[in-house]
C-alpha atoms as a PDB file:
ATOM      1  CA  MET A   1     269.942 106.490 170.173  1.00  0.00           C
ATOM      2  CA  ALA A   2     271.510 103.336 168.787  1.00  0.00           C
ATOM      3  CA  LEU A   3     269.176 103.139 166.179  1.00  0.00           C
ATOM      4  CA  VAL A   4     269.492 106.959 165.359  1.00  0.00           C
ATOM      5  CA  VAL A   5     273.664 106.565 165.658  1.00  0.00           C
ATOM      6  CA  HIS A   6     274.126 104.012 163.138  1.00  0.00           C
ATOM      7  CA  PRO A   7     272.579 105.266 159.836  1.00  0.00           C
ATOM      8  CA  VAL A   8     274.090 108.962 160.571  1.00  0.00           C
ATOM      9  CA  LEU A   9     277.101 107.040 160.938  1.00  0.00           C
ATOM     10  CA  PHE A  10     276.973 105.035 157.912  1.00  0.00           C
ATOM     11  CA  VAL A  11     275.892 107.707 155.730  1.00  0.00           C
ATOM     12  CA  PHE A  12     279.191 109.599 156.315  1.00  0.00           C
ATOM     13  CA  ALA A  13     280.935 105.633 156.228  1.00  0.00           C
ATOM     14  CA  LYS A  14     279.654 105.318 152.473  1.00  0.00           C
ATOM     15  CA  ARG A  15     280.941 108.856 151.406  1.00  0.00           C
ATOM     16  CA  LEU A  16     284.159 107.688 152.728  1.00  0.00           C
ATOM     17  CA  ALA A  17     284.566 104.396 151.439  1.00  0.00           C
ATOM     18  CA  ASN A  18     283.138 105.885 147.870  1.00  0.00           C
ATOM     19  CA  ARG A  19     286.896 107.573 147.663  1.00  0.00           C
ATOM     20  CA  ALA A  20     288.987 105.129 149.495  1.00  0.00           C
ATOM     21  CA  GLY A  21     288.398 101.917 146.972  1.00  0.00           C
ATOM     22  CA  VAL A  22     286.917  98.645 146.773  1.00  0.00           C
ATOM     23  CA  ILE A  23     287.755  97.150 149.977  1.00  0.00           C
ATOM     24  CA  TRP A  24     286.688  99.895 152.131  1.00  0.00           C
ATOM     25  CA  GLN A  25     283.432 100.162 150.095  1.00  0.00           C
ATOM     26  CA  SER A  26     283.588  96.300 150.707  1.00  0.00           C
ATOM     27  CA  VAL A  27     283.765  97.074 154.011  1.00  0.00           C
ATOM     28  CA  VAL A  28     280.671  99.434 154.738  1.00  0.00           C
ATOM     29  CA  ARG A  29     278.693  97.321 152.273  1.00  0.00           C
ATOM     30  CA  HIS A  30     278.921  93.952 154.302  1.00  0.00           C
ATOM     31  CA  ALA A  31     279.131  95.959 158.030  1.00  0.00           C
ATOM     32  CA  GLU A  32     275.882  97.713 157.607  1.00  0.00           C
ATOM     33  CA  ALA A  33     273.411  95.142 158.572  1.00  0.00           C
ATOM     34  CA  PRO A  34     275.041  93.371 161.383  1.00  0.00           C
ATOM     35  CA  THR A  35     275.909  96.478 163.084  1.00  0.00           C
ATOM     36  CA  ARG A  36     272.228  97.575 162.690  1.00  0.00           C
ATOM     37  CA  TRP A  37     271.922  94.773 165.591  1.00  0.00           C
ATOM     38  CA  PHE A  38     275.407  95.264 167.253  1.00  0.00           C
ATOM     39  CA  PHE A  39     275.075  99.004 167.869  1.00  0.00           C
ATOM     40  CA  PRO A  40     271.892  98.299 170.074  1.00  0.00           C
ATOM     41  CA  LEU A  41     273.425  95.516 171.778  1.00  0.00           C
ATOM     42  CA  ILE A  42     276.147  98.010 173.041  1.00  0.00           C
ATOM     43  CA  GLY A  43     273.324 100.342 174.186  1.00  0.00           C
ATOM     44  CA  LEU A  44     272.209  97.677 176.410  1.00  0.00           C
ATOM     45  CA  VAL A  45     275.272  96.478 177.692  1.00  0.00           C
ATOM     46  CA  LEU A  46     275.917 100.524 178.835  1.00  0.00           C
ATOM     47  CA  ALA A  47     272.189 100.709 180.189  1.00  0.00           C
ATOM     48  CA  LEU A  48     272.180  97.283 182.156  1.00  0.00           C
ATOM     49  CA  PRO A  49     273.578  98.872 185.554  1.00  0.00           C
ATOM     50  CA  ALA A  50     271.339 101.775 185.421  1.00  0.00           C
ATOM     51  CA  LEU A  51     268.111  99.984 185.172  1.00  0.00           C
ATOM     52  CA  PRO A  52     265.980 100.167 188.005  1.00  0.00           C
ATOM     53  CA  VAL A  53     264.634  96.683 187.551  1.00  0.00           C
ATOM     54  CA  ARG A  54     264.266  93.686 189.559  1.00  0.00           C
ATOM     55  CA  TRP A  55     267.994  91.519 189.548  1.00  0.00           C
ATOM     56  CA  GLU A  56     266.148  88.770 187.762  1.00  0.00           C
ATOM     57  CA  LEU A  57     265.299  90.825 184.634  1.00  0.00           C
ATOM     58  CA  VAL A  58     268.540  92.071 184.794  1.00  0.00           C
ATOM     59  CA  ASP A  59     270.055  88.691 184.550  1.00  0.00           C
ATOM     60  CA  LEU A  60     267.426  87.615 181.513  1.00  0.00           C
ATOM     61  CA  LEU A  61     269.003  90.958 179.592  1.00  0.00           C
ATOM     62  CA  ARG A  62     272.411  89.951 180.345  1.00  0.00           C
ATOM     63  CA  ARG A  63     272.047  86.695 178.789  1.00  0.00           C
ATOM     64  CA  ILE A  64     270.154  87.547 175.231  1.00  0.00           C
ATOM     65  CA  VAL A  65     273.019  90.060 175.464  1.00  0.00           C
ATOM     66  CA  GLY A  66     275.879  87.460 175.886  1.00  0.00           C
ATOM     67  CA  LEU A  67     273.761  85.510 172.987  1.00  0.00           C
ATOM     68  CA  GLY A  68     273.468  88.641 170.981  1.00  0.00           C
ATOM     69  CA  ALA A  69     277.698  89.362 171.113  1.00  0.00           C
ATOM     70  CA  ILE A  70     278.311  85.733 170.394  1.00  0.00           C
ATOM     71  CA  ALA A  71     275.981  85.777 167.288  1.00  0.00           C
ATOM     72  CA  ALA A  72     277.644  89.742 166.055  1.00  0.00           C
ATOM     73  CA  ILE A  73     281.306  87.927 166.444  1.00  0.00           C
ATOM     74  CA  ALA A  74     280.105  85.211 164.321  1.00  0.00           C
ATOM     75  CA  TRP A  75     278.606  87.692 162.128  1.00  0.00           C
ATOM     76  CA  ALA A  76     282.312  89.360 162.079  1.00  0.00           C
ATOM     77  CA  VAL A  77     284.037  86.775 160.900  1.00  0.00           C
ATOM     78  CA  LEU A  78     281.972  85.751 158.252  1.00  0.00           C
ATOM     79  CA  LEU A  79     282.125  89.569 156.980  1.00  0.00           C
ATOM     80  CA  VAL A  80     286.076  89.120 157.271  1.00  0.00           C
ATOM     81  CA  THR A  81     285.837  86.613 154.729  1.00  0.00           C
ATOM     82  CA  GLU A  82     283.116  88.564 152.692  1.00  0.00           C
ATOM     83  CA  VAL A  83     285.057  91.488 152.531  1.00  0.00           C
ATOM     84  CA  LEU A  84     288.652  88.873 151.948  1.00  0.00           C
ATOM     85  CA  GLY A  85     286.889  87.527 148.762  1.00  0.00           C
ATOM     86  CA  ASP A  86     285.486  90.755 147.299  1.00  0.00           C
ATOM     87  CA  SER A  87     289.013  91.984 147.571  1.00  0.00           C
ATOM     88  CA  VAL A  88     290.153  88.814 145.373  1.00  0.00           C
ATOM     89  CA  TYR A  89     287.572  89.071 143.265  1.00  0.00           C
ATOM     90  CA  ALA A  90     288.319  93.178 142.603  1.00  0.00           C
ATOM     91  CA  LYS A  91     292.224  91.845 141.455  1.00  0.00           C
ATOM     92  CA  TYR A  92     290.865  88.752 139.539  1.00  0.00           C
ATOM     93  CA  ARG A  93     288.137  90.143 136.779  1.00  0.00           C
ATOM     94  CA  ILE A  94     286.269  87.793 134.546  1.00  0.00           C
ATOM     95  CA  ASP A  95     285.100  90.210 132.403  1.00  0.00           C
ATOM     96  CA  VAL A  96     288.423  90.357 130.290  1.00  0.00           C
ATOM     97  CA  ALA A  97     289.253  87.890 127.063  1.00  0.00           C
ATOM     98  CA  ASP A  98     291.840  85.674 129.448  1.00  0.00           C
ATOM     99  CA  ASN A  99     290.095  85.158 132.514  1.00  0.00           C
ATOM    100  CA  LEU A 100     291.028  81.140 132.873  1.00  0.00           C
ATOM    101  CA  ALA A 101     293.285  81.910 136.060  1.00  0.00           C
ATOM    102  CA  ALA A 102     290.799  84.767 137.605  1.00  0.00           C
ATOM    103  CA  ARG A 103     287.714  82.013 137.017  1.00  0.00           C
ATOM    104  CA  ARG A 104     289.745  79.374 138.873  1.00  0.00           C
ATOM    105  CA  VAL A 105     290.858  81.713 141.709  1.00  0.00           C
ATOM    106  CA  ARG A 106     286.912  83.147 141.976  1.00  0.00           C
ATOM    107  CA  THR A 107     285.912  79.187 141.908  1.00  0.00           C
ATOM    108  CA  GLN A 108     288.716  77.973 145.157  1.00  0.00           C
ATOM    109  CA  ILE A 109     287.798  81.321 147.057  1.00  0.00           C
ATOM    110  CA  ASP A 110     283.890  80.878 146.590  1.00  0.00           C
ATOM    111  CA  VAL A 111     283.848  76.816 147.465  1.00  0.00           C
ATOM    112  CA  ILE A 112     286.231  77.553 150.389  1.00  0.00           C
ATOM    113  CA  ARG A 113     284.494  80.619 151.733  1.00  0.00           C
ATOM    114  CA  ARG A 114     280.772  78.720 151.833  1.00  0.00           C
ATOM    115  CA  ILE A 115     282.364  75.834 153.883  1.00  0.00           C
ATOM    116  CA  PHE A 116     283.852  78.309 156.399  1.00  0.00           C
ATOM    117  CA  ASN A 117     281.001  79.980 156.684  1.00  0.00           C
ATOM    118  CA  ILE A 118     279.221  76.734 157.479  1.00  0.00           C
ATOM    119  CA  VAL A 119     281.599  76.206 160.111  1.00  0.00           C
ATOM    120  CA  VAL A 120     281.617  79.305 161.546  1.00  0.00           C
ATOM    121  CA  VAL A 121     278.180  79.325 161.722  1.00  0.00           C
ATOM    122  CA  ILE A 122     278.086  75.808 163.620  1.00  0.00           C
ATOM    123  CA  ILE A 123     280.584  76.448 165.892  1.00  0.00           C
ATOM    124  CA  ALA A 124     278.798  79.895 167.023  1.00  0.00           C
ATOM    125  CA  ALA A 125     275.332  77.524 167.422  1.00  0.00           C
ATOM    126  CA  ALA A 126     277.512  75.369 169.555  1.00  0.00           C
ATOM    127  CA  VAL A 127     278.787  78.352 171.887  1.00  0.00           C
ATOM    128  CA  MET A 128     275.856  79.837 172.019  1.00  0.00           C
ATOM    129  CA  LEU A 129     273.997  76.848 173.321  1.00  0.00           C
ATOM    130  CA  MET A 130     276.718  76.107 175.942  1.00  0.00           C
ATOM    131  CA  THR A 131     275.868  79.211 177.602  1.00  0.00           C
ATOM    132  CA  PHE A 132     272.913  76.948 179.125  1.00  0.00           C
ATOM    133  CA  PRO A 133     273.564  74.793 181.930  1.00  0.00           C
ATOM    134  CA  GLY A 134     270.924  72.481 180.693  1.00  0.00           C
ATOM    135  CA  VAL A 135     272.515  72.057 177.766  1.00  0.00           C
ATOM    136  CA  ARG A 136     276.341  71.930 179.016  1.00  0.00           C
ATOM    137  CA  GLN A 137     275.331  68.808 181.186  1.00  0.00           C
ATOM    138  CA  ILE A 138     273.741  67.203 178.283  1.00  0.00           C
ATOM    139  CA  GLY A 139     276.683  67.911 176.544  1.00  0.00           C
ATOM    140  CA  THR A 140     279.222  66.302 179.070  1.00  0.00           C
ATOM    141  CA  SER A 141     276.869  63.297 179.900  1.00  0.00           C
ATOM    142  CA  LEU A 142     277.220  62.504 175.730  1.00  0.00           C
ATOM    143  CA  LEU A 143     280.851  63.030 175.436  1.00  0.00           C
ATOM    144  CA  ALA A 144     281.643  59.717 176.580  1.00  0.00           C
ATOM    145  CA  SER A 145     279.528  58.264 173.690  1.00  0.00           C
ATOM    146  CA  ALA A 146     280.705  60.453 170.949  1.00  0.00           C
ATOM    147  CA  GLY A 147     282.827  57.875 169.115  1.00  0.00           C
ATOM    148  CA  LEU A 148     279.708  55.907 168.737  1.00  0.00           C
ATOM    149  CA  ALA A 149     277.633  59.289 167.690  1.00  0.00           C
ATOM    150  CA  GLY A 150     280.269  59.980 165.267  1.00  0.00           C
ATOM    151  CA  LEU A 151     280.308  56.821 163.807  1.00  0.00           C
ATOM    152  CA  VAL A 152     276.477  56.682 163.288  1.00  0.00           C
ATOM    153  CA  ILE A 153     276.424  60.286 161.954  1.00  0.00           C
ATOM    154  CA  GLY A 154     279.263  59.796 159.415  1.00  0.00           C
ATOM    155  CA  MET A 155     277.384  56.792 158.360  1.00  0.00           C
ATOM    156  CA  ALA A 156     274.232  57.957 158.141  1.00  0.00           C
ATOM    157  CA  SER A 157     275.725  61.428 156.435  1.00  0.00           C
ATOM    158  CA  LYS A 158     278.190  59.691 154.080  1.00  0.00           C
ATOM    159  CA  SER A 159     276.383  60.676 150.826  1.00  0.00           C
ATOM    160  CA  THR A 160     276.415  64.544 152.028  1.00  0.00           C
ATOM    161  CA  LEU A 161     279.977  63.936 153.236  1.00  0.00           C
ATOM    162  CA  SER A 162     281.004  62.427 150.001  1.00  0.00           C
ATOM    163  CA  SER A 163     279.760  65.313 148.176  1.00  0.00           C
ATOM    164  CA  LEU A 164     281.474  67.920 150.541  1.00  0.00           C
ATOM    165  CA  VAL A 165     284.744  66.579 149.833  1.00  0.00           C
ATOM    166  CA  ALA A 166     283.923  66.288 145.738  1.00  0.00           C
ATOM    167  CA  GLY A 167     283.100  70.041 146.060  1.00  0.00           C
ATOM    168  CA  LEU A 168     286.070  70.997 147.683  1.00  0.00           C
ATOM    169  CA  GLN A 169     288.608  68.791 145.256  1.00  0.00           C
ATOM    170  CA  ILE A 170     286.787  70.389 142.453  1.00  0.00           C
ATOM    171  CA  ALA A 171     287.835  74.061 144.055  1.00  0.00           C
ATOM    172  CA  LEU A 172     291.212  72.830 144.514  1.00  0.00           C
ATOM    173  CA  THR A 173     291.644  71.183 141.549  1.00  0.00           C
ATOM    174  CA  GLY A 174     290.329  73.320 139.114  1.00  0.00           C
ATOM    175  CA  SER A 175     288.528  70.578 137.142  1.00  0.00           C
ATOM    176  CA  ILE A 176     285.441  72.758 136.210  1.00  0.00           C
ATOM    177  CA  HIS A 177     285.290  76.805 136.490  1.00  0.00           C
ATOM    178  CA  ILE A 178     282.411  79.283 137.037  1.00  0.00           C
ATOM    179  CA  GLU A 179     281.229  80.164 133.490  1.00  0.00           C
ATOM    180  CA  ASP A 180     283.090  77.129 132.066  1.00  0.00           C
ATOM    181  CA  VAL A 181     280.743  75.937 129.172  1.00  0.00           C
ATOM    182  CA  VAL A 182     279.702  72.426 129.809  1.00  0.00           C
ATOM    183  CA  ILE A 183     277.162  69.865 128.048  1.00  0.00           C
ATOM    184  CA  VAL A 184     275.411  67.870 130.824  1.00  0.00           C
ATOM    185  CA  GLY A 185     273.644  65.099 128.983  1.00  0.00           C
ATOM    186  CA  ASP A 186     271.620  66.618 126.150  1.00  0.00           C
ATOM    187  CA  GLU A 187     271.773  70.029 127.693  1.00  0.00           C
ATOM    188  CA  PHE A 188     274.374  72.863 127.028  1.00  0.00           C
ATOM    189  CA  GLY A 189     274.996  75.895 129.422  1.00  0.00           C
ATOM    190  CA  TRP A 190     277.689  76.811 131.751  1.00  0.00           C
ATOM    191  CA  ILE A 191     278.840  76.632 134.820  1.00  0.00           C
ATOM    192  CA  GLU A 192     276.598  79.484 137.162  1.00  0.00           C
ATOM    193  CA  GLU A 193     277.484  78.590 140.922  1.00  0.00           C
ATOM    194  CA  ILE A 194     279.734  75.782 142.762  1.00  0.00           C
ATOM    195  CA  LEU A 195     277.879  74.882 145.552  1.00  0.00           C
ATOM    196  CA  THR A 196     279.737  72.729 148.259  1.00  0.00           C
ATOM    197  CA  THR A 197     277.534  69.684 147.282  1.00  0.00           C
ATOM    198  CA  TYR A 198     275.812  70.302 144.024  1.00  0.00           C
ATOM    199  CA  VAL A 199     276.658  72.640 140.538  1.00  0.00           C
ATOM    200  CA  VAL A 200     274.188  75.431 139.383  1.00  0.00           C
ATOM    201  CA  VAL A 201     274.403  74.828 135.503  1.00  0.00           C
ATOM    202  CA  ARG A 202     272.475  77.863 133.553  1.00  0.00           C
ATOM    203  CA  THR A 203     270.934  76.282 129.976  1.00  0.00           C
ATOM    204  CA  TRP A 204     271.371  78.800 126.832  1.00  0.00           C
ATOM    205  CA  ASP A 205     267.539  79.063 127.484  1.00  0.00           C
ATOM    206  CA  LEU A 206     267.871  80.295 130.896  1.00  0.00           C
ATOM    207  CA  ARG A 207     266.819  77.707 132.796  1.00  0.00           C
ATOM    208  CA  ARG A 208     268.724  76.120 135.413  1.00  0.00           C
ATOM    209  CA  LEU A 209     270.301  72.680 135.877  1.00  0.00           C
ATOM    210  CA  VAL A 210     271.587  71.278 139.842  1.00  0.00           C
ATOM    211  CA  VAL A 211     273.639  68.618 139.144  1.00  0.00           C
ATOM    212  CA  PRO A 212     275.255  66.813 142.521  1.00  0.00           C
END
């Protein structure tokens, strides 16, 4: 029933969103995929008390539903960031002549959103792992050596962390923007993407240069 209700509901939601504006169109577009999984979870939650099965199976289903709910909540948070990004993009258009300010804002939003998404995914994965007693006990036993583990991880990923900080600095200081014209070595091109650890440059002959 949940899988049947979902497409019917979004047919009407898309029609209403087309009349409401850009933000609601973004909400419907980004929400369609996660709700396709969330609706069956709601159906399972409603059906669990009435299932004529053994309690072991019910307990397993509840654990699966709990993990799915955590993933759905994380997906909803990511959905909010995508909608906010689309709302900002709608205000700052880059298809106009004087688009320097728009490209600067888009660059900052894009990099910060990517970093935020990574943090949300890591937190969601940690919460899902902590629902298992065995993993929780391992995490508790390792808590005493967290300082040493953090130092080792920091030393091992020094180059990655420095690239991440550099990407954040590029977004905040505005040293380069999306669609800026640049020369990298002997290659002429445009900034296509600014990611957390590297920049993608689109050359004049439609090749891509990945620059740390």
